[in-house]
Amino acid sequence: MSNDQILVIGIIICALAIPSLLAAYSESRPPRAGAIMVLIGGVLLVFALTQKPTGYRFDEIPHIFVQVIADVIR
């Protein structure tokens, strides 16, 4: 698995955690599932950011998403 794929998976997991966190907050219960998802996504993001020698810039992220999705479709 490439660093780009790990970065995209980490971003998607963190984005999917937001509804879970909001639902737990609105229902006054502990956000266990959302917190675990944020933790997993954060670890994936940090791993991808530290393993790429040149790093990532914010303007590269949309291109990386398209590239990873194109690789998955092919």
PDB file of N, CA and C in Angstrom:
ATOM      1  N   MET A   1       0.857  -1.166   0.000  1.00  0.00           N
ATOM      2  CA  MET A   1       0.000   0.000   0.000  1.00  0.00           C
ATOM      3  C   MET A   1       0.905   1.231   0.000  1.00  0.00           C
ATOM      4  N   SER A   2       0.604   2.169  -0.863  1.00  0.00           N
ATOM      5  CA  SER A   2       1.451   3.349  -0.978  1.00  0.00           C
ATOM      6  C   SER A   2       1.079   4.392   0.081  1.00  0.00           C
ATOM      7  N   ASN A   3       1.966   5.349   0.232  1.00  0.00           N
ATOM      8  CA  ASN A   3       1.710   6.431   1.197  1.00  0.00           C
ATOM      9  C   ASN A   3       0.490   7.252   0.798  1.00  0.00           C
ATOM     10  N   ASP A   4       0.271   7.413  -0.501  1.00  0.00           N
ATOM     11  CA  ASP A   4      -0.897   8.165  -0.951  1.00  0.00           C
ATOM     12  C   ASP A   4      -2.188   7.459  -0.558  1.00  0.00           C
ATOM     13  N   GLN A   5      -2.227   6.148  -0.695  1.00  0.00           N
ATOM     14  CA  GLN A   5      -3.418   5.397  -0.309  1.00  0.00           C
ATOM     15  C   GLN A   5      -3.650   5.476   1.200  1.00  0.00           C
ATOM     16  N   ILE A   6      -2.594   5.393   1.966  1.00  0.00           N
ATOM     17  CA  ILE A   6      -2.715   5.488   3.428  1.00  0.00           C
ATOM     18  C   ILE A   6      -3.229   6.862   3.823  1.00  0.00           C
ATOM     19  N   LEU A   7      -2.739   7.909   3.153  1.00  0.00           N
ATOM     20  CA  LEU A   7      -3.201   9.272   3.441  1.00  0.00           C
ATOM     21  C   LEU A   7      -4.686   9.415   3.144  1.00  0.00           C
ATOM     22  N   VAL A   8      -5.127   8.932   1.997  1.00  0.00           N
ATOM     23  CA  VAL A   8      -6.533   9.050   1.612  1.00  0.00           C
ATOM     24  C   VAL A   8      -7.423   8.263   2.567  1.00  0.00           C
ATOM     25  N   ILE A   9      -7.020   7.052   2.930  1.00  0.00           N
ATOM     26  CA  ILE A   9      -7.813   6.252   3.868  1.00  0.00           C
ATOM     27  C   ILE A   9      -7.906   6.948   5.226  1.00  0.00           C
ATOM     28  N   GLY A  10      -6.804   7.537   5.689  1.00  0.00           N
ATOM     29  CA  GLY A  10      -6.820   8.263   6.957  1.00  0.00           C
ATOM     30  C   GLY A  10      -7.750   9.462   6.930  1.00  0.00           C
ATOM     31  N   ILE A  11      -7.736  10.209   5.824  1.00  0.00           N
ATOM     32  CA  ILE A  11      -8.622  11.371   5.700  1.00  0.00           C
ATOM     33  C   ILE A  11     -10.079  10.929   5.667  1.00  0.00           C
ATOM     34  N   ILE A  12     -10.368   9.865   4.944  1.00  0.00           N
ATOM     35  CA  ILE A  12     -11.749   9.376   4.857  1.00  0.00           C
ATOM     36  C   ILE A  12     -12.239   8.887   6.218  1.00  0.00           C
ATOM     37  N   ILE A  13     -11.414   8.163   6.949  1.00  0.00           N
ATOM     38  CA  ILE A  13     -11.817   7.673   8.272  1.00  0.00           C
ATOM     39  C   ILE A  13     -12.069   8.844   9.222  1.00  0.00           C
ATOM     40  N   CYS A  14     -11.211   9.861   9.189  1.00  0.00           N
ATOM     41  CA  CYS A  14     -11.432  11.035  10.042  1.00  0.00           C
ATOM     42  C   CYS A  14     -12.710  11.771   9.652  1.00  0.00           C
ATOM     43  N   ALA A  15     -12.987  11.849   8.357  1.00  0.00           N
ATOM     44  CA  ALA A  15     -14.215  12.517   7.912  1.00  0.00           C
ATOM     45  C   ALA A  15     -15.452  11.725   8.324  1.00  0.00           C
ATOM     46  N   LEU A  16     -15.376  10.408   8.278  1.00  0.00           N
ATOM     47  CA  LEU A  16     -16.510   9.582   8.693  1.00  0.00           C
ATOM     48  C   LEU A  16     -16.727   9.599  10.204  1.00  0.00           C
ATOM     49  N   ALA A  17     -15.736  10.002  10.955  1.00  0.00           N
ATOM     50  CA  ALA A  17     -15.874  10.072  12.405  1.00  0.00           C
ATOM     51  C   ALA A  17     -16.697  11.281  12.838  1.00  0.00           C
ATOM     52  N   ILE A  18     -16.764  12.303  12.017  1.00  0.00           N
ATOM     53  CA  ILE A  18     -17.460  13.537  12.406  1.00  0.00           C
ATOM     54  C   ILE A  18     -18.940  13.293  12.705  1.00  0.00           C
ATOM     55  N   PRO A  19     -19.706  12.594  11.843  1.00  0.00           N
ATOM     56  CA  PRO A  19     -21.116  12.347  12.204  1.00  0.00           C
ATOM     57  C   PRO A  19     -21.279  11.540  13.494  1.00  0.00           C
ATOM     58  N   SER A  20     -20.391  10.591  13.719  1.00  0.00           N
ATOM     59  CA  SER A  20     -20.465   9.792  14.941  1.00  0.00           C
ATOM     60  C   SER A  20     -20.204  10.664  16.170  1.00  0.00           C
ATOM     61  N   LEU A  21     -19.237  11.546  16.071  1.00  0.00           N
ATOM     62  CA  LEU A  21     -18.945  12.451  17.195  1.00  0.00           C
ATOM     63  C   LEU A  21     -20.109  13.400  17.461  1.00  0.00           C
ATOM     64  N   LEU A  22     -20.687  13.935  16.396  1.00  0.00           N
ATOM     65  CA  LEU A  22     -21.821  14.850  16.562  1.00  0.00           C
ATOM     66  C   LEU A  22     -23.047  14.145  17.137  1.00  0.00           C
ATOM     67  N   ALA A  23     -23.302  12.925  16.687  1.00  0.00           N
ATOM     68  CA  ALA A  23     -24.444  12.160  17.220  1.00  0.00           C
ATOM     69  C   ALA A  23     -24.251  11.855  18.698  1.00  0.00           C
ATOM     70  N   ALA A  24     -23.051  11.474  19.078  1.00  0.00           N
ATOM     71  CA  ALA A  24     -22.791  11.187  20.492  1.00  0.00           C
ATOM     72  C   ALA A  24     -22.924  12.450  21.331  1.00  0.00           C
ATOM     73  N   TYR A  25     -22.456  13.560  20.817  1.00  0.00           N
ATOM     74  CA  TYR A  25     -22.561  14.819  21.555  1.00  0.00           C
ATOM     75  C   TYR A  25     -24.019  15.241  21.712  1.00  0.00           C
ATOM     76  N   SER A  26     -24.806  15.103  20.655  1.00  0.00           N
ATOM     77  CA  SER A  26     -26.201  15.541  20.727  1.00  0.00           C
ATOM     78  C   SER A  26     -27.046  14.632  21.622  1.00  0.00           C
ATOM     79  N   GLU A  27     -26.641  13.374  21.763  1.00  0.00           N
ATOM     80  CA  GLU A  27     -27.376  12.446  22.621  1.00  0.00           C
ATOM     81  C   GLU A  27     -26.778  12.333  24.015  1.00  0.00           C
ATOM     82  N   SER A  28     -25.802  13.146  24.336  1.00  0.00           N
ATOM     83  CA  SER A  28     -25.142  13.192  25.648  1.00  0.00           C
ATOM     84  C   SER A  28     -24.598  11.830  26.078  1.00  0.00           C
ATOM     85  N   ARG A  29     -23.910  11.182  25.167  1.00  0.00           N
ATOM     86  CA  ARG A  29     -23.256   9.920  25.499  1.00  0.00           C
ATOM     87  C   ARG A  29     -21.786  10.005  25.090  1.00  0.00           C
ATOM     88  N   PRO A  30     -20.956   9.156  25.650  1.00  0.00           N
ATOM     89  CA  PRO A  30     -19.524   9.226  25.322  1.00  0.00           C
ATOM     90  C   PRO A  30     -19.262   8.856  23.861  1.00  0.00           C
ATOM     91  N   PRO A  31     -18.411   9.585  23.191  1.00  0.00           N
ATOM     92  CA  PRO A  31     -18.152   9.343  21.765  1.00  0.00           C
ATOM     93  C   PRO A  31     -17.089   8.273  21.533  1.00  0.00           C
ATOM     94  N   ARG A  32     -17.345   7.065  21.966  1.00  0.00           N
ATOM     95  CA  ARG A  32     -16.329   6.011  21.889  1.00  0.00           C
ATOM     96  C   ARG A  32     -15.979   5.641  20.447  1.00  0.00           C
ATOM     97  N   ALA A  33     -16.977   5.344  19.628  1.00  0.00           N
ATOM     98  CA  ALA A  33     -16.712   4.925  18.249  1.00  0.00           C
ATOM     99  C   ALA A  33     -16.057   6.045  17.453  1.00  0.00           C
ATOM    100  N   GLY A  34     -16.556   7.261  17.633  1.00  0.00           N
ATOM    101  CA  GLY A  34     -15.971   8.404  16.922  1.00  0.00           C
ATOM    102  C   GLY A  34     -14.540   8.667  17.344  1.00  0.00           C
ATOM    103  N   ALA A  35     -14.271   8.517  18.633  1.00  0.00           N
ATOM    104  CA  ALA A  35     -12.909   8.747  19.123  1.00  0.00           C
ATOM    105  C   ALA A  35     -11.948   7.688  18.594  1.00  0.00           C
ATOM    106  N   ILE A  36     -12.408   6.453  18.516  1.00  0.00           N
ATOM    107  CA  ILE A  36     -11.557   5.393  17.975  1.00  0.00           C
ATOM    108  C   ILE A  36     -11.288   5.634  16.496  1.00  0.00           C
ATOM    109  N   MET A  37     -12.301   6.084  15.767  1.00  0.00           N
ATOM    110  CA  MET A  37     -12.108   6.377  14.348  1.00  0.00           C
ATOM    111  C   MET A  37     -11.137   7.537  14.140  1.00  0.00           C
ATOM    112  N   VAL A  38     -11.248   8.571  14.961  1.00  0.00           N
ATOM    113  CA  VAL A  38     -10.316   9.695  14.862  1.00  0.00           C
ATOM    114  C   VAL A  38      -8.900   9.236  15.193  1.00  0.00           C
ATOM    115  N   LEU A  39      -8.766   8.378  16.179  1.00  0.00           N
ATOM    116  CA  LEU A  39      -7.456   7.859  16.548  1.00  0.00           C
ATOM    117  C   LEU A  39      -6.835   7.041  15.410  1.00  0.00           C
ATOM    118  N   ILE A  40      -7.610   6.150  14.821  1.00  0.00           N
ATOM    119  CA  ILE A  40      -7.102   5.331  13.708  1.00  0.00           C
ATOM    120  C   ILE A  40      -6.756   6.210  12.509  1.00  0.00           C
ATOM    121  N   GLY A  41      -7.649   7.116  12.161  1.00  0.00           N
ATOM    122  CA  GLY A  41      -7.388   8.012  11.039  1.00  0.00           C
ATOM    123  C   GLY A  41      -6.183   8.906  11.285  1.00  0.00           C
ATOM    124  N   GLY A  42      -6.042   9.384  12.500  1.00  0.00           N
ATOM    125  CA  GLY A  42      -4.889  10.221  12.835  1.00  0.00           C
ATOM    126  C   GLY A  42      -3.577   9.470  12.746  1.00  0.00           C
ATOM    127  N   VAL A  43      -3.581   8.231  13.206  1.00  0.00           N
ATOM    128  CA  VAL A  43      -2.365   7.411  13.112  1.00  0.00           C
ATOM    129  C   VAL A  43      -2.006   7.182  11.647  1.00  0.00           C
ATOM    130  N   LEU A  44      -3.002   6.908  10.812  1.00  0.00           N
ATOM    131  CA  LEU A  44      -2.733   6.713   9.388  1.00  0.00           C
ATOM    132  C   LEU A  44      -2.197   7.992   8.746  1.00  0.00           C
ATOM    133  N   LEU A  45      -2.771   9.133   9.118  1.00  0.00           N
ATOM    134  CA  LEU A  45      -2.293  10.409   8.571  1.00  0.00           C
ATOM    135  C   LEU A  45      -0.852  10.686   8.980  1.00  0.00           C
ATOM    136  N   VAL A  46      -0.558  10.513  10.244  1.00  0.00           N
ATOM    137  CA  VAL A  46       0.804  10.760  10.722  1.00  0.00           C
ATOM    138  C   VAL A  46       1.787   9.804  10.068  1.00  0.00           C
ATOM    139  N   PHE A  47       1.397   8.543   9.922  1.00  0.00           N
ATOM    140  CA  PHE A  47       2.268   7.568   9.278  1.00  0.00           C
ATOM    141  C   PHE A  47       2.559   7.980   7.833  1.00  0.00           C
ATOM    142  N   ALA A  48       1.515   8.362   7.095  1.00  0.00           N
ATOM    143  CA  ALA A  48       1.706   8.755   5.695  1.00  0.00           C
ATOM    144  C   ALA A  48       2.549  10.021   5.585  1.00  0.00           C
ATOM    145  N   LEU A  49       2.323  10.969   6.487  1.00  0.00           N
ATOM    146  CA  LEU A  49       3.077  12.225   6.425  1.00  0.00           C
ATOM    147  C   LEU A  49       4.539  12.036   6.773  1.00  0.00           C
ATOM    148  N   THR A  50       4.841  11.120   7.667  1.00  0.00           N
ATOM    149  CA  THR A  50       6.235  10.927   8.068  1.00  0.00           C
ATOM    150  C   THR A  50       7.002  10.004   7.136  1.00  0.00           C
ATOM    151  N   GLN A  51       6.305   9.153   6.376  1.00  0.00           N
ATOM    152  CA  GLN A  51       6.989   8.203   5.512  1.00  0.00           C
ATOM    153  C   GLN A  51       7.331   8.750   4.136  1.00  0.00           C
ATOM    154  N   LYS A  52       6.657   9.807   3.709  1.00  0.00           N
ATOM    155  CA  LYS A  52       6.986  10.394   2.410  1.00  0.00           C
ATOM    156  C   LYS A  52       8.121  11.395   2.606  1.00  0.00           C
ATOM    157  N   PRO A  53       9.243  11.202   1.917  1.00  0.00           N
ATOM    158  CA  PRO A  53      10.420  12.050   2.155  1.00  0.00           C
ATOM    159  C   PRO A  53      10.183  13.538   1.863  1.00  0.00           C
ATOM    160  N   THR A  54       9.411  13.848   0.833  1.00  0.00           N
ATOM    161  CA  THR A  54       9.190  15.255   0.487  1.00  0.00           C
ATOM    162  C   THR A  54       7.990  15.853   1.194  1.00  0.00           C
ATOM    163  N   GLY A  55       7.177  15.028   1.819  1.00  0.00           N
ATOM    164  CA  GLY A  55       5.997  15.515   2.521  1.00  0.00           C
ATOM    165  C   GLY A  55       4.856  15.813   1.562  1.00  0.00           C
ATOM    166  N   TYR A  56       3.770  16.328   2.101  1.00  0.00           N
ATOM    167  CA  TYR A  56       2.588  16.672   1.316  1.00  0.00           C
ATOM    168  C   TYR A  56       2.293  18.148   1.492  1.00  0.00           C
ATOM    169  N   ARG A  57       1.772  18.758   0.440  1.00  0.00           N
ATOM    170  CA  ARG A  57       1.270  20.126   0.522  1.00  0.00           C
ATOM    171  C   ARG A  57      -0.250  20.069   0.410  1.00  0.00           C
ATOM    172  N   PHE A  58      -0.931  21.088   0.950  1.00  0.00           N
ATOM    173  CA  PHE A  58      -2.388  21.085   0.934  1.00  0.00           C
ATOM    174  C   PHE A  58      -2.943  21.106  -0.487  1.00  0.00           C
ATOM    175  N   ASP A  59      -2.266  21.772  -1.400  1.00  0.00           N
ATOM    176  CA  ASP A  59      -2.793  21.841  -2.760  1.00  0.00           C
ATOM    177  C   ASP A  59      -2.600  20.535  -3.528  1.00  0.00           C
ATOM    178  N   GLU A  60      -1.825  19.592  -3.008  1.00  0.00           N
ATOM    179  CA  GLU A  60      -1.646  18.288  -3.647  1.00  0.00           C
ATOM    180  C   GLU A  60      -2.747  17.297  -3.286  1.00  0.00           C
ATOM    181  N   ILE A  61      -3.444  17.521  -2.191  1.00  0.00           N
ATOM    182  CA  ILE A  61      -4.385  16.536  -1.663  1.00  0.00           C
ATOM    183  C   ILE A  61      -5.523  16.213  -2.640  1.00  0.00           C
ATOM    184  N   PRO A  62      -6.165  17.193  -3.301  1.00  0.00           N
ATOM    185  CA  PRO A  62      -7.213  16.820  -4.265  1.00  0.00           C
ATOM    186  C   PRO A  62      -6.676  15.942  -5.410  1.00  0.00           C
ATOM    187  N   HIS A  63      -5.491  16.254  -5.896  1.00  0.00           N
ATOM    188  CA  HIS A  63      -4.893  15.447  -6.965  1.00  0.00           C
ATOM    189  C   HIS A  63      -4.596  14.030  -6.466  1.00  0.00           C
ATOM    190  N   ILE A  64      -4.142  13.911  -5.237  1.00  0.00           N
ATOM    191  CA  ILE A  64      -3.861  12.594  -4.668  1.00  0.00           C
ATOM    192  C   ILE A  64      -5.148  11.783  -4.541  1.00  0.00           C
ATOM    193  N   PHE A  65      -6.257  12.425  -4.115  1.00  0.00           N
ATOM    194  CA  PHE A  65      -7.539  11.734  -4.032  1.00  0.00           C
ATOM    195  C   PHE A  65      -7.941  11.181  -5.392  1.00  0.00           C
ATOM    196  N   VAL A  66      -7.856  12.015  -6.415  1.00  0.00           N
ATOM    197  CA  VAL A  66      -8.245  11.588  -7.762  1.00  0.00           C
ATOM    198  C   VAL A  66      -7.345  10.458  -8.237  1.00  0.00           C
ATOM    199  N   GLN A  67      -6.067  10.566  -7.984  1.00  0.00           N
ATOM    200  CA  GLN A  67      -5.117   9.545  -8.411  1.00  0.00           C
ATOM    201  C   GLN A  67      -5.392   8.199  -7.726  1.00  0.00           C
ATOM    202  N   VAL A  68      -5.657   8.230  -6.423  1.00  0.00           N
ATOM    203  CA  VAL A  68      -5.927   6.984  -5.688  1.00  0.00           C
ATOM    204  C   VAL A  68      -7.247   6.373  -6.156  1.00  0.00           C
ATOM    205  N   ILE A  69      -8.261   7.170  -6.351  1.00  0.00           N
ATOM    206  CA  ILE A  69      -9.538   6.649  -6.831  1.00  0.00           C
ATOM    207  C   ILE A  69      -9.391   6.067  -8.233  1.00  0.00           C
ATOM    208  N   ALA A  70      -8.621   6.718  -9.086  1.00  0.00           N
ATOM    209  CA  ALA A  70      -8.378   6.192 -10.431  1.00  0.00           C
ATOM    210  C   ALA A  70      -7.637   4.866 -10.372  1.00  0.00           C
ATOM    211  N   ASP A  71      -6.685   4.752  -9.460  1.00  0.00           N
ATOM    212  CA  ASP A  71      -5.951   3.485  -9.303  1.00  0.00           C
ATOM    213  C   ASP A  71      -6.866   2.370  -8.821  1.00  0.00           C
ATOM    214  N   VAL A  72      -7.797   2.692  -7.944  1.00  0.00           N
ATOM    215  CA  VAL A  72      -8.717   1.681  -7.429  1.00  0.00           C
ATOM    216  C   VAL A  72      -9.690   1.232  -8.529  1.00  0.00           C
ATOM    217  N   ILE A  73     -10.156   2.168  -9.343  1.00  0.00           N
ATOM    218  CA  ILE A  73     -11.094   1.838 -10.400  1.00  0.00           C
ATOM    219  C   ILE A  73     -10.443   0.978 -11.473  1.00  0.00           C
ATOM    220  N   ARG A  74      -9.191   1.259 -11.801  1.00  0.00           N
ATOM    221  CA  ARG A  74      -8.507   0.477 -12.844  1.00  0.00           C
ATOM    222  C   ARG A  74      -8.232  -0.867 -12.372  1.00  0.00           C
TER     223      ARG A  74
END
